[in-house]
């Protein structure tokens, strides 16, 4: 495989959120990303601030209230001991009408850096966002499928083989019981 190849488990939700951002009109002046660089999403915003987790604590953000139009927490909440505080902090730093994009594993191997504490369904992510005060669900998504779950168990070090990537691109697969990633986009 190529070194910088997209992880198969991220392919679907990255595309879905990218399409959402492309096809909807929401404020896109400023974004705070807490996780890494999702270039596909960040290109939709004029001003980008990246906070590397865990160097910047997601549950105590060093930013003023109502500073951003969007906060992205992509594959970070499972690593936080108090993910509800992280979502509350995202709410605090968002402008009125701002969006939170949160994505996290549901069925995925343990990945201990800096710790691995939680797994979420989309409904679990929505519970966190609702409790923090978010008012509107813009997107709720499950990605991955049972074939991918089985492949990940049988081949735990495979993140981006052509076989795994082809499973991620299957269309019309039932995700009601077995899926890998949960994603929500909510608005303040």
N, C-alpha and C. Protein backbone atom coordinates (compact mmCIF):
# COMPACT_ATOMS: atom_id res chain seq x y z
N UNK A 1 0.82 -1.19 0.00
CA UNK A 1 0.00 0.00 0.00
C UNK A 1 0.86 1.26 0.00
N UNK A 2 0.24 2.34 -0.35
CA UNK A 2 0.93 3.63 -0.29
C UNK A 2 0.92 4.12 1.16
N UNK A 3 1.95 4.86 1.54
CA UNK A 3 2.06 5.36 2.91
C UNK A 3 0.93 6.31 3.28
N UNK A 4 0.57 7.22 2.40
CA UNK A 4 -0.41 8.25 2.72
C UNK A 4 -1.80 7.92 2.21
N UNK A 5 -2.07 6.68 1.99
CA UNK A 5 -3.37 6.26 1.46
C UNK A 5 -4.46 6.43 2.53
N UNK A 6 -5.65 6.79 2.08
CA UNK A 6 -6.79 6.95 2.99
C UNK A 6 -7.09 5.60 3.67
N UNK A 7 -7.32 5.64 4.96
CA UNK A 7 -7.72 4.43 5.68
C UNK A 7 -9.10 4.02 5.17
N UNK A 8 -9.29 2.75 4.95
CA UNK A 8 -10.56 2.24 4.43
C UNK A 8 -11.71 2.60 5.35
N UNK A 9 -11.48 2.60 6.65
CA UNK A 9 -12.55 2.88 7.61
C UNK A 9 -12.98 4.34 7.58
N UNK A 10 -12.18 5.21 6.99
CA UNK A 10 -12.51 6.63 6.93
C UNK A 10 -13.10 7.06 5.58
N UNK A 11 -12.94 6.24 4.59
CA UNK A 11 -13.30 6.61 3.22
C UNK A 11 -14.75 7.08 3.09
N UNK A 12 -15.69 6.30 3.60
CA UNK A 12 -17.11 6.60 3.40
C UNK A 12 -17.55 7.87 4.13
N UNK A 13 -17.30 7.97 5.42
CA UNK A 13 -17.79 9.14 6.15
C UNK A 13 -17.08 10.41 5.71
N UNK A 14 -15.82 10.31 5.32
CA UNK A 14 -15.12 11.50 4.82
C UNK A 14 -15.81 12.02 3.56
N UNK A 15 -16.20 11.11 2.70
CA UNK A 15 -16.89 11.48 1.46
C UNK A 15 -18.28 12.06 1.77
N UNK A 16 -19.01 11.44 2.69
CA UNK A 16 -20.36 11.89 3.03
C UNK A 16 -20.32 13.29 3.64
N UNK A 17 -19.42 13.54 4.57
CA UNK A 17 -19.33 14.87 5.19
C UNK A 17 -18.83 15.89 4.16
N UNK A 18 -17.89 15.51 3.33
CA UNK A 18 -17.42 16.41 2.27
C UNK A 18 -18.54 16.82 1.35
N UNK A 19 -19.38 15.87 0.98
CA UNK A 19 -20.54 16.16 0.13
C UNK A 19 -21.53 17.07 0.86
N UNK A 20 -21.74 16.81 2.14
CA UNK A 20 -22.62 17.66 2.94
C UNK A 20 -22.12 19.11 2.94
N UNK A 21 -20.83 19.29 3.18
CA UNK A 21 -20.26 20.64 3.22
C UNK A 21 -20.35 21.31 1.85
N UNK A 22 -20.19 20.54 0.82
CA UNK A 22 -20.24 21.08 -0.55
C UNK A 22 -21.65 21.52 -0.94
N UNK A 23 -22.66 20.80 -0.45
CA UNK A 23 -24.03 20.99 -0.93
C UNK A 23 -24.95 21.76 0.01
N UNK A 24 -24.43 22.28 1.10
CA UNK A 24 -25.25 23.02 2.06
C UNK A 24 -24.64 24.37 2.36
N UNK A 25 -25.47 25.33 2.66
CA UNK A 25 -25.03 26.69 2.94
C UNK A 25 -25.03 26.94 4.45
N UNK A 26 -23.86 26.92 5.04
CA UNK A 26 -23.69 27.26 6.45
C UNK A 26 -22.48 28.18 6.54
N UNK A 27 -22.36 28.94 7.62
CA UNK A 27 -21.21 29.83 7.73
C UNK A 27 -19.89 29.05 7.61
N UNK A 28 -18.99 29.54 6.78
CA UNK A 28 -17.74 28.83 6.53
C UNK A 28 -16.53 29.73 6.68
N UNK A 29 -16.64 30.75 7.51
CA UNK A 29 -15.50 31.64 7.70
C UNK A 29 -14.38 30.95 8.46
N UNK A 30 -14.69 30.41 9.64
CA UNK A 30 -13.63 29.88 10.50
C UNK A 30 -13.95 28.49 11.00
N UNK A 31 -12.91 27.67 11.08
CA UNK A 31 -13.06 26.30 11.57
C UNK A 31 -11.93 26.00 12.55
N UNK A 32 -12.28 25.27 13.60
CA UNK A 32 -11.31 24.72 14.55
C UNK A 32 -11.33 23.22 14.37
N UNK A 33 -10.20 22.66 14.02
CA UNK A 33 -10.12 21.20 13.93
C UNK A 33 -9.28 20.69 15.08
N UNK A 34 -9.86 19.74 15.81
CA UNK A 34 -9.17 19.11 16.93
C UNK A 34 -8.99 17.65 16.52
N UNK A 35 -7.84 17.31 16.04
CA UNK A 35 -7.56 15.93 15.68
C UNK A 35 -6.38 15.82 14.75
N UNK A 36 -6.54 16.23 13.56
CA UNK A 36 -5.52 16.10 12.55
C UNK A 36 -5.98 16.97 11.41
N UNK A 37 -5.46 16.76 10.26
CA UNK A 37 -5.83 17.61 9.15
C UNK A 37 -6.70 16.86 8.15
N UNK A 38 -7.98 17.16 8.14
CA UNK A 38 -8.89 16.60 7.15
C UNK A 38 -8.98 17.60 6.01
N UNK A 39 -7.96 17.60 5.18
CA UNK A 39 -7.83 18.60 4.11
C UNK A 39 -9.08 18.69 3.25
N UNK A 40 -9.75 17.57 3.05
CA UNK A 40 -10.96 17.56 2.22
C UNK A 40 -12.04 18.46 2.81
N UNK A 41 -12.14 18.52 4.11
CA UNK A 41 -13.13 19.36 4.77
C UNK A 41 -12.61 20.77 4.99
N UNK A 42 -11.36 20.90 5.38
CA UNK A 42 -10.80 22.21 5.72
C UNK A 42 -10.79 23.16 4.53
N UNK A 43 -10.72 22.62 3.33
CA UNK A 43 -10.69 23.47 2.13
C UNK A 43 -11.99 24.26 1.96
N UNK A 44 -13.04 23.91 2.67
CA UNK A 44 -14.33 24.60 2.58
C UNK A 44 -14.38 25.85 3.45
N UNK A 45 -13.34 26.10 4.24
CA UNK A 45 -13.34 27.21 5.20
C UNK A 45 -12.25 28.23 4.86
N UNK A 46 -12.53 29.49 5.18
CA UNK A 46 -11.58 30.56 4.89
C UNK A 46 -10.42 30.60 5.89
N UNK A 47 -10.73 30.45 7.18
CA UNK A 47 -9.71 30.54 8.23
C UNK A 47 -9.69 29.22 9.00
N UNK A 48 -8.54 28.58 9.04
CA UNK A 48 -8.39 27.26 9.65
C UNK A 48 -7.48 27.35 10.87
N UNK A 49 -7.96 26.82 12.00
CA UNK A 49 -7.16 26.69 13.22
C UNK A 49 -7.10 25.20 13.54
N UNK A 50 -5.89 24.68 13.70
CA UNK A 50 -5.73 23.26 14.01
C UNK A 50 -5.12 23.14 15.40
N UNK A 51 -5.79 22.38 16.26
CA UNK A 51 -5.29 22.09 17.60
C UNK A 51 -4.96 20.61 17.65
N UNK A 52 -3.73 20.30 17.92
CA UNK A 52 -3.31 18.91 17.98
C UNK A 52 -3.68 18.33 19.34
N UNK A 53 -4.50 17.29 19.30
CA UNK A 53 -4.85 16.55 20.51
C UNK A 53 -3.79 15.47 20.68
N UNK A 54 -3.28 15.22 21.86
CA UNK A 54 -3.68 15.68 23.18
C UNK A 54 -2.92 16.90 23.68
N UNK A 55 -2.04 17.50 22.86
CA UNK A 55 -1.30 18.68 23.32
C UNK A 55 -2.26 19.79 23.74
N UNK A 56 -3.34 19.97 23.00
CA UNK A 56 -4.39 20.90 23.39
C UNK A 56 -5.54 20.05 23.93
N UNK A 57 -5.92 20.28 25.15
CA UNK A 57 -6.97 19.48 25.78
C UNK A 57 -8.33 19.81 25.17
N UNK A 58 -8.97 18.81 24.61
CA UNK A 58 -10.28 19.02 23.99
C UNK A 58 -11.36 19.34 25.00
N UNK A 59 -11.13 19.06 26.28
CA UNK A 59 -12.15 19.36 27.29
C UNK A 59 -11.89 20.68 28.02
N UNK A 60 -10.89 21.45 27.55
CA UNK A 60 -10.60 22.77 28.10
C UNK A 60 -9.91 23.59 27.01
N UNK A 61 -10.66 23.96 26.01
CA UNK A 61 -10.10 24.63 24.83
C UNK A 61 -9.62 26.04 25.15
N UNK A 62 -8.44 26.43 24.67
CA UNK A 62 -7.88 27.75 24.96
C UNK A 62 -8.36 28.83 23.99
N UNK A 63 -9.65 28.86 23.71
CA UNK A 63 -10.21 29.81 22.75
C UNK A 63 -11.38 30.56 23.40
N UNK A 64 -11.61 31.76 22.91
CA UNK A 64 -12.70 32.60 23.40
C UNK A 64 -14.06 31.97 23.04
N UNK A 65 -15.07 32.33 23.81
CA UNK A 65 -16.44 31.94 23.49
C UNK A 65 -16.79 32.46 22.09
N UNK A 66 -17.61 31.69 21.38
CA UNK A 66 -18.15 32.07 20.07
C UNK A 66 -17.05 32.60 19.13
N UNK A 67 -16.05 31.74 18.88
CA UNK A 67 -14.91 32.11 18.04
C UNK A 67 -14.90 31.45 16.66
N UNK A 68 -15.72 30.41 16.45
CA UNK A 68 -15.62 29.61 15.23
C UNK A 68 -16.99 29.31 14.64
N UNK A 69 -17.02 29.15 13.33
CA UNK A 69 -18.24 28.72 12.63
C UNK A 69 -18.40 27.21 12.64
N UNK A 70 -17.29 26.50 12.81
CA UNK A 70 -17.33 25.03 12.80
C UNK A 70 -16.23 24.50 13.70
N UNK A 71 -16.53 23.40 14.39
CA UNK A 71 -15.53 22.64 15.14
C UNK A 71 -15.58 21.22 14.59
N UNK A 72 -14.40 20.67 14.30
CA UNK A 72 -14.29 19.29 13.82
C UNK A 72 -13.58 18.47 14.88
N UNK A 73 -14.24 17.41 15.33
CA UNK A 73 -13.64 16.42 16.24
C UNK A 73 -13.68 15.08 15.51
N UNK A 74 -12.68 14.84 14.71
CA UNK A 74 -12.63 13.66 13.86
C UNK A 74 -11.74 12.60 14.50
N UNK A 75 -12.36 11.57 15.03
CA UNK A 75 -11.65 10.45 15.64
C UNK A 75 -10.83 10.90 16.85
N UNK A 76 -11.46 11.70 17.71
CA UNK A 76 -10.77 12.17 18.91
C UNK A 76 -11.55 11.86 20.19
N UNK A 77 -12.89 11.84 20.13
CA UNK A 77 -13.69 11.67 21.36
C UNK A 77 -13.44 10.33 22.05
N UNK A 78 -13.12 9.30 21.30
CA UNK A 78 -12.86 7.99 21.92
C UNK A 78 -11.60 8.02 22.79
N UNK A 79 -10.73 9.01 22.56
CA UNK A 79 -9.47 9.13 23.29
C UNK A 79 -9.58 10.04 24.52
N UNK A 80 -10.73 10.62 24.75
CA UNK A 80 -10.92 11.56 25.85
C UNK A 80 -11.61 10.89 27.03
N UNK A 81 -11.11 11.13 28.22
CA UNK A 81 -11.69 10.53 29.42
C UNK A 81 -13.07 11.09 29.74
N UNK A 82 -13.34 12.33 29.29
CA UNK A 82 -14.63 12.97 29.54
C UNK A 82 -15.14 13.58 28.24
N UNK A 83 -15.59 12.75 27.31
CA UNK A 83 -15.99 13.28 26.00
C UNK A 83 -17.14 14.28 26.08
N UNK A 84 -17.99 14.17 27.08
CA UNK A 84 -19.10 15.12 27.22
C UNK A 84 -18.57 16.54 27.45
N UNK A 85 -17.45 16.66 28.17
CA UNK A 85 -16.85 17.99 28.37
C UNK A 85 -16.27 18.53 27.07
N UNK A 86 -15.74 17.66 26.24
CA UNK A 86 -15.20 18.08 24.94
C UNK A 86 -16.30 18.65 24.06
N UNK A 87 -17.45 18.00 24.06
CA UNK A 87 -18.59 18.47 23.25
C UNK A 87 -19.12 19.78 23.83
N UNK A 88 -19.15 19.91 25.15
CA UNK A 88 -19.56 21.17 25.76
C UNK A 88 -18.60 22.30 25.39
N UNK A 89 -17.31 22.01 25.34
CA UNK A 89 -16.33 23.02 24.94
C UNK A 89 -16.51 23.41 23.47
N UNK A 90 -16.81 22.43 22.63
CA UNK A 90 -17.07 22.75 21.22
C UNK A 90 -18.26 23.70 21.13
N UNK A 91 -19.30 23.42 21.89
CA UNK A 91 -20.48 24.30 21.91
C UNK A 91 -20.09 25.71 22.34
N UNK A 92 -19.28 25.82 23.37
CA UNK A 92 -18.87 27.12 23.91
C UNK A 92 -18.13 27.96 22.87
N UNK A 93 -17.22 27.35 22.12
CA UNK A 93 -16.39 28.14 21.19
C UNK A 93 -17.07 28.37 19.84
N UNK A 94 -18.24 27.75 19.63
CA UNK A 94 -18.96 27.94 18.36
C UNK A 94 -19.81 29.19 18.38
N UNK A 95 -19.83 29.90 17.25
CA UNK A 95 -20.77 31.00 17.05
C UNK A 95 -22.19 30.45 17.01
N UNK A 96 -23.17 31.29 17.30
CA UNK A 96 -24.58 30.90 17.15
C UNK A 96 -24.78 30.45 15.69
N UNK A 97 -25.39 29.30 15.51
CA UNK A 97 -25.58 28.75 14.17
C UNK A 97 -24.40 27.93 13.68
N UNK A 98 -23.33 27.86 14.49
CA UNK A 98 -22.14 27.09 14.11
C UNK A 98 -22.38 25.59 14.17
N UNK A 99 -21.49 24.85 13.50
CA UNK A 99 -21.64 23.39 13.38
C UNK A 99 -20.53 22.66 14.12
N UNK A 100 -20.88 21.51 14.66
CA UNK A 100 -19.91 20.54 15.17
C UNK A 100 -19.97 19.33 14.26
N UNK A 101 -18.83 18.91 13.76
CA UNK A 101 -18.70 17.66 13.02
C UNK A 101 -17.95 16.71 13.94
N UNK A 102 -18.60 15.64 14.36
CA UNK A 102 -17.98 14.67 15.27
C UNK A 102 -18.06 13.28 14.65
N UNK A 103 -16.93 12.62 14.62
CA UNK A 103 -16.86 11.26 14.10
C UNK A 103 -16.01 10.44 15.04
N UNK A 104 -16.44 9.19 15.30
CA UNK A 104 -15.75 8.35 16.25
C UNK A 104 -16.04 6.89 15.94
N UNK A 105 -15.17 5.97 16.36
CA UNK A 105 -15.40 4.56 16.09
C UNK A 105 -16.59 3.99 16.85
N UNK A 106 -17.20 2.99 16.23
CA UNK A 106 -18.18 2.15 16.91
C UNK A 106 -17.58 0.76 17.09
N UNK A 107 -17.24 0.09 16.01
CA UNK A 107 -16.57 -1.22 16.09
C UNK A 107 -15.20 -1.05 15.46
N UNK A 108 -14.19 -1.06 16.31
CA UNK A 108 -12.84 -0.80 15.84
C UNK A 108 -11.87 -1.33 16.87
N UNK A 109 -10.67 -1.67 16.43
CA UNK A 109 -9.67 -2.20 17.35
C UNK A 109 -9.25 -1.15 18.36
N UNK A 110 -8.74 -1.60 19.49
CA UNK A 110 -8.21 -0.70 20.49
C UNK A 110 -6.98 -0.01 19.91
N UNK A 111 -6.94 1.29 20.03
CA UNK A 111 -5.78 2.07 19.58
C UNK A 111 -5.46 3.06 20.70
N UNK A 112 -4.49 2.71 21.51
CA UNK A 112 -4.22 3.29 22.82
C UNK A 112 -3.50 4.62 22.88
N UNK A 113 -3.42 5.36 21.82
CA UNK A 113 -2.67 6.60 21.96
C UNK A 113 -3.60 7.79 22.00
N UNK A 114 -3.63 8.61 23.01
CA UNK A 114 -2.94 8.48 24.29
C UNK A 114 -3.70 7.61 25.27
N UNK A 115 -4.84 7.14 24.89
CA UNK A 115 -5.69 6.22 25.64
C UNK A 115 -6.88 5.94 24.75
N UNK A 116 -7.60 4.88 25.01
CA UNK A 116 -8.76 4.52 24.18
C UNK A 116 -9.87 4.13 25.14
N UNK A 117 -10.88 5.01 25.30
CA UNK A 117 -11.84 4.86 26.37
C UNK A 117 -13.27 4.57 25.95
N UNK A 118 -13.70 5.02 24.77
CA UNK A 118 -15.11 4.94 24.41
C UNK A 118 -15.32 4.49 22.98
N UNK A 119 -16.52 3.98 22.72
CA UNK A 119 -17.04 3.72 21.38
C UNK A 119 -18.44 4.35 21.32
N UNK A 120 -18.83 4.82 20.14
CA UNK A 120 -20.09 5.55 20.02
C UNK A 120 -20.91 5.07 18.83
N UNK A 121 -22.20 4.97 19.03
CA UNK A 121 -23.16 4.90 17.92
C UNK A 121 -23.46 6.36 17.54
N UNK A 122 -24.07 6.59 16.37
CA UNK A 122 -24.48 7.97 16.06
C UNK A 122 -25.43 8.51 17.13
N UNK A 123 -26.29 7.64 17.63
CA UNK A 123 -27.23 8.06 18.67
C UNK A 123 -26.50 8.45 19.95
N UNK A 124 -25.40 7.77 20.26
CA UNK A 124 -24.58 8.14 21.42
C UNK A 124 -23.94 9.50 21.24
N UNK A 125 -23.43 9.77 20.04
CA UNK A 125 -22.88 11.09 19.75
C UNK A 125 -23.96 12.16 19.86
N UNK A 126 -25.16 11.84 19.37
CA UNK A 126 -26.27 12.81 19.46
C UNK A 126 -26.68 13.05 20.91
N UNK A 127 -26.59 12.04 21.74
CA UNK A 127 -26.88 12.22 23.18
C UNK A 127 -25.90 13.22 23.78
N UNK A 128 -24.62 13.09 23.44
CA UNK A 128 -23.62 14.04 23.94
C UNK A 128 -23.90 15.46 23.45
N UNK A 129 -24.24 15.58 22.18
CA UNK A 129 -24.47 16.92 21.61
C UNK A 129 -25.75 17.55 22.15
N UNK A 130 -26.78 16.75 22.31
CA UNK A 130 -28.04 17.27 22.86
C UNK A 130 -27.83 17.77 24.29
N UNK A 131 -27.11 16.99 25.08
CA UNK A 131 -26.85 17.40 26.46
C UNK A 131 -26.01 18.66 26.55
N UNK A 132 -25.19 18.92 25.53
CA UNK A 132 -24.36 20.12 25.51
C UNK A 132 -25.14 21.35 25.04
N UNK A 133 -26.32 21.14 24.45
CA UNK A 133 -27.14 22.27 24.02
C UNK A 133 -27.34 22.42 22.53
N UNK A 134 -26.74 21.53 21.73
CA UNK A 134 -26.92 21.64 20.28
C UNK A 134 -28.39 21.42 19.94
N UNK A 135 -28.89 22.21 18.99
CA UNK A 135 -30.33 22.26 18.73
C UNK A 135 -30.78 21.52 17.49
N UNK A 136 -29.92 21.34 16.50
CA UNK A 136 -30.39 20.80 15.23
C UNK A 136 -29.42 19.75 14.70
N UNK A 137 -29.96 18.59 14.33
CA UNK A 137 -29.17 17.53 13.71
C UNK A 137 -29.19 17.77 12.20
N UNK A 138 -28.01 17.94 11.62
CA UNK A 138 -27.90 18.18 10.19
C UNK A 138 -27.53 16.90 9.43
N UNK A 139 -26.83 15.99 10.09
CA UNK A 139 -26.40 14.74 9.47
C UNK A 139 -26.16 13.70 10.55
N UNK A 140 -26.64 12.50 10.32
CA UNK A 140 -26.37 11.34 11.19
C UNK A 140 -25.98 10.21 10.26
N UNK A 141 -24.81 9.60 10.48
CA UNK A 141 -24.32 8.62 9.51
C UNK A 141 -23.58 7.46 10.18
N UNK A 142 -23.80 6.28 9.64
CA UNK A 142 -23.04 5.08 10.01
C UNK A 142 -22.23 4.69 8.80
N UNK A 143 -20.94 4.40 8.98
CA UNK A 143 -20.13 3.96 7.84
C UNK A 143 -19.44 2.65 8.17
N UNK A 144 -19.06 1.97 7.11
CA UNK A 144 -18.50 0.64 7.27
C UNK A 144 -19.62 -0.38 7.25
N UNK A 145 -19.25 -1.65 7.28
CA UNK A 145 -20.24 -2.71 7.18
C UNK A 145 -19.70 -3.99 7.81
N UNK A 146 -20.52 -5.02 7.86
CA UNK A 146 -20.14 -6.27 8.51
C UNK A 146 -18.92 -6.90 7.86
N UNK A 147 -18.80 -6.82 6.53
CA UNK A 147 -17.62 -7.37 5.86
C UNK A 147 -16.35 -6.66 6.33
N UNK A 148 -16.44 -5.36 6.51
CA UNK A 148 -15.29 -4.60 6.98
C UNK A 148 -14.94 -4.95 8.43
N UNK A 149 -15.96 -5.14 9.27
CA UNK A 149 -15.73 -5.52 10.66
C UNK A 149 -14.99 -6.86 10.70
N UNK A 150 -15.47 -7.83 9.92
CA UNK A 150 -14.82 -9.14 9.88
C UNK A 150 -13.39 -9.03 9.36
N UNK A 151 -13.21 -8.26 8.30
CA UNK A 151 -11.86 -8.08 7.75
C UNK A 151 -10.93 -7.45 8.77
N UNK A 152 -11.40 -6.45 9.50
CA UNK A 152 -10.58 -5.79 10.51
C UNK A 152 -10.18 -6.75 11.63
N UNK A 153 -11.07 -7.66 11.98
CA UNK A 153 -10.75 -8.67 13.00
C UNK A 153 -9.72 -9.66 12.46
N UNK A 154 -9.94 -10.12 11.23
CA UNK A 154 -9.04 -11.12 10.63
C UNK A 154 -7.69 -10.54 10.24
N UNK A 155 -7.65 -9.24 9.92
CA UNK A 155 -6.42 -8.57 9.45
C UNK A 155 -6.23 -7.25 10.20
N UNK A 156 -5.89 -7.30 11.49
CA UNK A 156 -5.88 -6.09 12.31
C UNK A 156 -4.89 -5.01 11.88
N UNK A 157 -3.89 -5.35 11.09
CA UNK A 157 -2.91 -4.35 10.66
C UNK A 157 -3.22 -3.77 9.30
N UNK A 158 -4.28 -4.24 8.66
CA UNK A 158 -4.64 -3.74 7.33
C UNK A 158 -5.55 -2.53 7.49
N UNK A 159 -5.07 -1.38 7.06
CA UNK A 159 -5.88 -0.17 7.12
C UNK A 159 -6.28 0.32 5.73
N UNK A 160 -5.53 -0.09 4.69
CA UNK A 160 -5.78 0.54 3.39
C UNK A 160 -5.47 -0.35 2.18
N UNK A 161 -5.57 -1.67 2.33
CA UNK A 161 -5.34 -2.53 1.17
C UNK A 161 -6.46 -2.33 0.15
N UNK A 162 -6.22 -2.70 -1.09
CA UNK A 162 -7.25 -2.56 -2.12
C UNK A 162 -8.47 -3.39 -1.78
N UNK A 163 -8.27 -4.56 -1.17
CA UNK A 163 -9.40 -5.40 -0.76
C UNK A 163 -10.26 -4.69 0.28
N UNK A 164 -9.62 -4.10 1.29
CA UNK A 164 -10.34 -3.40 2.34
C UNK A 164 -11.03 -2.15 1.79
N UNK A 165 -10.33 -1.41 0.94
CA UNK A 165 -10.93 -0.23 0.31
C UNK A 165 -12.14 -0.59 -0.53
N UNK A 166 -12.10 -1.72 -1.23
CA UNK A 166 -13.26 -2.10 -2.04
C UNK A 166 -14.46 -2.44 -1.16
N UNK A 167 -14.23 -3.00 0.00
CA UNK A 167 -15.33 -3.26 0.94
C UNK A 167 -15.95 -1.95 1.41
N UNK A 168 -15.12 -0.93 1.60
CA UNK A 168 -15.60 0.37 2.06
C UNK A 168 -16.45 1.07 1.00
N UNK A 169 -16.32 0.66 -0.24
CA UNK A 169 -17.04 1.32 -1.33
C UNK A 169 -18.31 0.57 -1.73
N UNK A 170 -18.66 -0.47 -1.00
CA UNK A 170 -19.89 -1.20 -1.29
C UNK A 170 -21.09 -0.31 -1.04
N UNK A 171 -22.04 -0.33 -1.94
CA UNK A 171 -23.23 0.51 -1.85
C UNK A 171 -24.42 -0.36 -1.45
N UNK A 172 -25.32 0.19 -0.65
CA UNK A 172 -26.56 -0.50 -0.30
C UNK A 172 -26.40 -1.62 0.71
N UNK A 173 -25.31 -1.61 1.46
CA UNK A 173 -25.07 -2.65 2.46
C UNK A 173 -25.78 -2.27 3.76
N UNK A 174 -26.42 -3.25 4.39
CA UNK A 174 -27.13 -3.02 5.65
C UNK A 174 -26.14 -2.61 6.74
N UNK A 175 -26.41 -1.49 7.41
CA UNK A 175 -25.57 -0.99 8.49
C UNK A 175 -26.34 -0.89 9.79
N UNK A 176 -27.46 -1.59 9.87
CA UNK A 176 -28.30 -1.46 11.06
C UNK A 176 -27.69 -2.14 12.28
N UNK A 177 -26.91 -3.19 12.09
CA UNK A 177 -26.32 -3.90 13.22
C UNK A 177 -24.81 -3.75 13.30
N UNK A 178 -24.14 -3.87 12.16
CA UNK A 178 -22.68 -3.86 12.14
C UNK A 178 -22.17 -2.75 11.25
N UNK A 179 -21.40 -1.86 11.86
CA UNK A 179 -20.77 -0.78 11.12
C UNK A 179 -19.53 -0.39 11.91
N UNK A 180 -18.71 0.49 11.35
CA UNK A 180 -17.43 0.79 12.00
C UNK A 180 -17.33 2.20 12.58
N UNK A 181 -17.89 3.18 11.93
CA UNK A 181 -17.71 4.56 12.38
C UNK A 181 -19.05 5.28 12.49
N UNK A 182 -19.15 6.17 13.44
CA UNK A 182 -20.33 7.01 13.64
C UNK A 182 -19.96 8.46 13.40
N UNK A 183 -20.84 9.16 12.71
CA UNK A 183 -20.59 10.57 12.41
C UNK A 183 -21.88 11.35 12.58
N UNK A 184 -21.76 12.54 13.16
CA UNK A 184 -22.89 13.46 13.24
C UNK A 184 -22.40 14.86 12.91
N UNK A 185 -23.31 15.64 12.34
CA UNK A 185 -23.10 17.07 12.18
C UNK A 185 -24.31 17.73 12.84
N UNK A 186 -24.03 18.60 13.80
CA UNK A 186 -25.10 19.28 14.54
C UNK A 186 -24.83 20.78 14.52
N UNK A 187 -25.91 21.53 14.74
CA UNK A 187 -25.79 22.99 14.72
C UNK A 187 -26.24 23.58 16.05
N UNK A 188 -25.52 24.61 16.47
CA UNK A 188 -25.80 25.33 17.72
C UNK A 188 -26.99 26.26 17.52
